[in-house]
Amino acid sequence: MKTTTFPKGQPERAWHLLDADGAVLGRLASQVARLLMGKHKPTFTPFLDTGDHVVVLNAAKIRMTGSKEQQKLYRRYSGYPGGLVEVGATKVRAERPDRLILLAVRGMLPKTKLGKQMLRKLRVYPGPVHKQQAQRPTAVASVE
């Protein structure tokens, strides 16, 4: 079987707009990760960044199923003894609601330089206003 790669030159990058109002966090994050990686395109190549730009609105109104709102913990470790910081999902939503979507999407992308490059094409806003009107993003129906 022959492996086809992306043609030379820059890939065509579209801009997509998703509304997170009432959407489930994991389902929305998987849809965003798919658009960022370019898996929806026939020119998808696993080792190249052929994905599109994504703008997510209303991150503060995202929904978490079950008891994740009270039980889910976000951890980071500085590398020093006693340097583990655990923050609950309720506190993250109160302080930085865009971080909920950002962390969920980051976990679904490759853990390489390519994944970091893909994550740079994501913009998340806590409210309904965004700064990408000039790019004319097309609205995408979010998964319920």
Protein backbone atom coordinates (compact mmCIF):
# COMPACT_ATOMS: atom_id res chain seq x y z
CA MET A 1 0.00 0.00 0.00
CA LYS A 2 1.32 3.44 -0.91
CA THR A 3 1.46 6.22 1.65
CA THR A 4 0.35 9.55 0.26
CA THR A 5 1.67 12.74 1.80
CA PHE A 6 0.46 16.29 1.73
CA PRO A 7 1.30 18.21 -1.45
CA LYS A 8 4.03 20.85 -1.28
CA GLY A 9 3.20 24.36 -0.15
CA GLN A 10 1.10 25.67 2.70
CA PRO A 11 -2.09 23.78 3.52
CA GLU A 12 -5.39 25.60 3.18
CA ARG A 13 -6.35 26.61 6.71
CA ALA A 14 -9.97 27.44 7.38
CA TRP A 15 -11.35 29.11 10.51
CA HIS A 16 -14.07 27.31 12.49
CA LEU A 17 -16.31 28.80 15.20
CA LEU A 18 -17.83 26.57 17.90
CA ASP A 19 -20.27 27.57 20.64
CA ALA A 20 -19.67 25.74 23.93
CA ASP A 21 -22.97 26.87 25.49
CA GLY A 22 -24.49 23.72 27.01
CA ALA A 23 -22.04 21.37 25.26
CA VAL A 24 -20.39 18.49 27.14
CA LEU A 25 -16.68 19.16 27.75
CA GLY A 26 -15.24 15.88 26.43
CA ARG A 27 -17.40 15.74 23.32
CA LEU A 28 -16.59 19.31 22.39
CA ALA A 29 -12.88 18.80 23.09
CA SER A 30 -12.70 15.75 20.81
CA GLN A 31 -14.40 17.70 18.00
CA VAL A 32 -11.96 20.60 18.45
CA ALA A 33 -8.95 18.23 18.50
CA ARG A 34 -10.16 16.60 15.28
CA LEU A 35 -10.37 20.01 13.54
CA LEU A 36 -6.95 21.10 14.87
CA MET A 37 -5.26 17.90 13.65
CA GLY A 38 -6.95 18.05 10.24
CA LYS A 39 -8.52 14.59 10.46
CA HIS A 40 -11.63 15.90 8.71
CA LYS A 41 -9.63 16.60 5.52
CA PRO A 42 -8.76 14.12 2.77
CA THR A 43 -5.18 15.48 2.86
CA PHE A 44 -4.65 14.39 6.50
CA THR A 45 -1.06 13.36 7.16
CA PRO A 46 -0.22 12.15 10.70
CA PHE A 47 3.26 13.71 10.83
CA LEU A 48 2.30 17.13 9.38
CA ASP A 49 0.16 19.94 10.74
CA THR A 50 -2.63 20.17 8.16
CA GLY A 51 -5.39 21.24 10.56
CA ASP A 52 -7.49 24.38 10.75
CA HIS A 53 -7.87 27.22 13.23
CA VAL A 54 -10.64 26.90 15.84
CA VAL A 55 -12.38 29.60 17.90
CA VAL A 56 -14.48 28.42 20.87
CA LEU A 57 -17.01 30.79 22.46
CA ASN A 58 -18.92 30.67 25.79
CA ALA A 59 -16.37 28.49 27.58
CA ALA A 60 -17.89 29.51 30.92
CA LYS A 61 -21.15 27.73 29.97
CA ILE A 62 -19.57 24.33 29.23
CA ARG A 63 -21.23 21.34 30.89
CA MET A 64 -19.53 18.51 32.81
CA THR A 65 -21.39 15.22 33.21
CA GLY A 66 -21.77 13.24 36.41
CA SER A 67 -20.00 14.56 39.49
CA LYS A 68 -16.89 15.77 37.64
CA GLU A 69 -17.61 19.38 38.60
CA GLN A 70 -16.96 18.54 42.27
CA GLN A 71 -14.49 15.64 41.96
CA LYS A 72 -12.20 16.40 39.01
CA LEU A 73 -8.74 17.70 39.92
CA TYR A 74 -6.23 19.45 37.71
CA ARG A 75 -2.66 18.77 38.85
CA ARG A 76 0.66 20.37 38.07
CA TYR A 77 4.02 19.64 39.61
CA SER A 78 6.96 22.03 39.84
CA GLY A 79 9.54 19.28 40.29
CA TYR A 80 10.42 20.31 43.84
CA PRO A 81 9.43 18.47 47.04
CA GLY A 82 5.98 19.68 48.06
CA GLY A 83 5.51 21.31 44.67
CA LEU A 84 2.31 19.47 43.69
CA VAL A 85 -0.61 21.84 43.14
CA GLU A 86 -4.13 20.42 42.83
CA VAL A 87 -7.02 22.64 41.79
CA GLY A 88 -10.64 21.52 41.53
CA ALA A 89 -12.76 21.99 38.41
CA THR A 90 -15.10 24.38 40.24
CA LYS A 91 -12.24 26.75 41.08
CA VAL A 92 -10.79 26.54 37.55
CA ARG A 93 -14.22 27.40 36.11
CA ALA A 94 -14.53 30.40 38.47
CA GLU A 95 -11.06 31.81 37.73
CA ARG A 96 -10.22 30.77 34.14
CA PRO A 97 -13.14 28.97 32.39
CA ASP A 98 -11.21 28.88 29.09
CA ARG A 99 -8.59 26.68 30.76
CA LEU A 100 -11.11 23.79 31.09
CA ILE A 101 -11.41 23.45 27.31
CA LEU A 102 -7.72 24.17 26.69
CA LEU A 103 -6.56 21.37 29.03
CA ALA A 104 -9.11 18.89 27.66
CA VAL A 105 -8.05 19.55 24.05
CA ARG A 106 -4.34 19.45 24.94
CA GLY A 107 -4.78 15.96 26.35
CA MET A 108 -6.25 14.77 23.03
CA LEU A 109 -3.46 16.12 20.82
CA PRO A 110 -0.06 14.47 20.22
CA LYS A 111 2.42 14.97 23.07
CA THR A 112 5.14 16.30 20.75
CA LYS A 113 6.28 19.57 19.17
CA LEU A 114 3.62 18.96 16.53
CA GLY A 115 0.91 18.85 19.20
CA LYS A 116 2.08 22.17 20.64
CA GLN A 117 2.03 23.67 17.15
CA MET A 118 -1.55 22.45 16.68
CA LEU A 119 -2.63 23.87 20.04
CA ARG A 120 -1.43 27.34 19.00
CA LYS A 121 -4.28 27.41 16.44
CA LEU A 122 -6.92 27.24 19.20
CA ARG A 123 -8.54 30.34 20.66
CA VAL A 124 -10.95 29.98 23.60
CA TYR A 125 -13.09 32.82 24.94
CA PRO A 126 -15.20 32.70 28.13
CA GLY A 127 -17.97 34.84 26.62
CA PRO A 128 -19.74 35.29 23.27
CA VAL A 129 -17.34 37.98 21.95
CA HIS A 130 -14.16 37.10 20.03
CA LYS A 131 -11.37 38.96 18.21
CA GLN A 132 -11.29 36.89 14.99
CA GLN A 133 -14.05 38.63 13.01
CA ALA A 134 -11.53 39.57 10.30
CA GLN A 135 -10.84 35.88 9.59
CA ARG A 136 -14.58 35.24 9.04
CA PRO A 137 -14.83 31.88 10.85
CA THR A 138 -17.57 29.52 9.74
CA ALA A 139 -19.94 28.24 12.44
CA VAL A 140 -19.75 24.51 13.13
CA ALA A 141 -22.63 22.62 14.67
CA SER A 142 -21.32 21.29 17.99
CA VAL A 143 -21.97 17.73 19.15
CA GLU A 144 -24.53 17.34 21.93
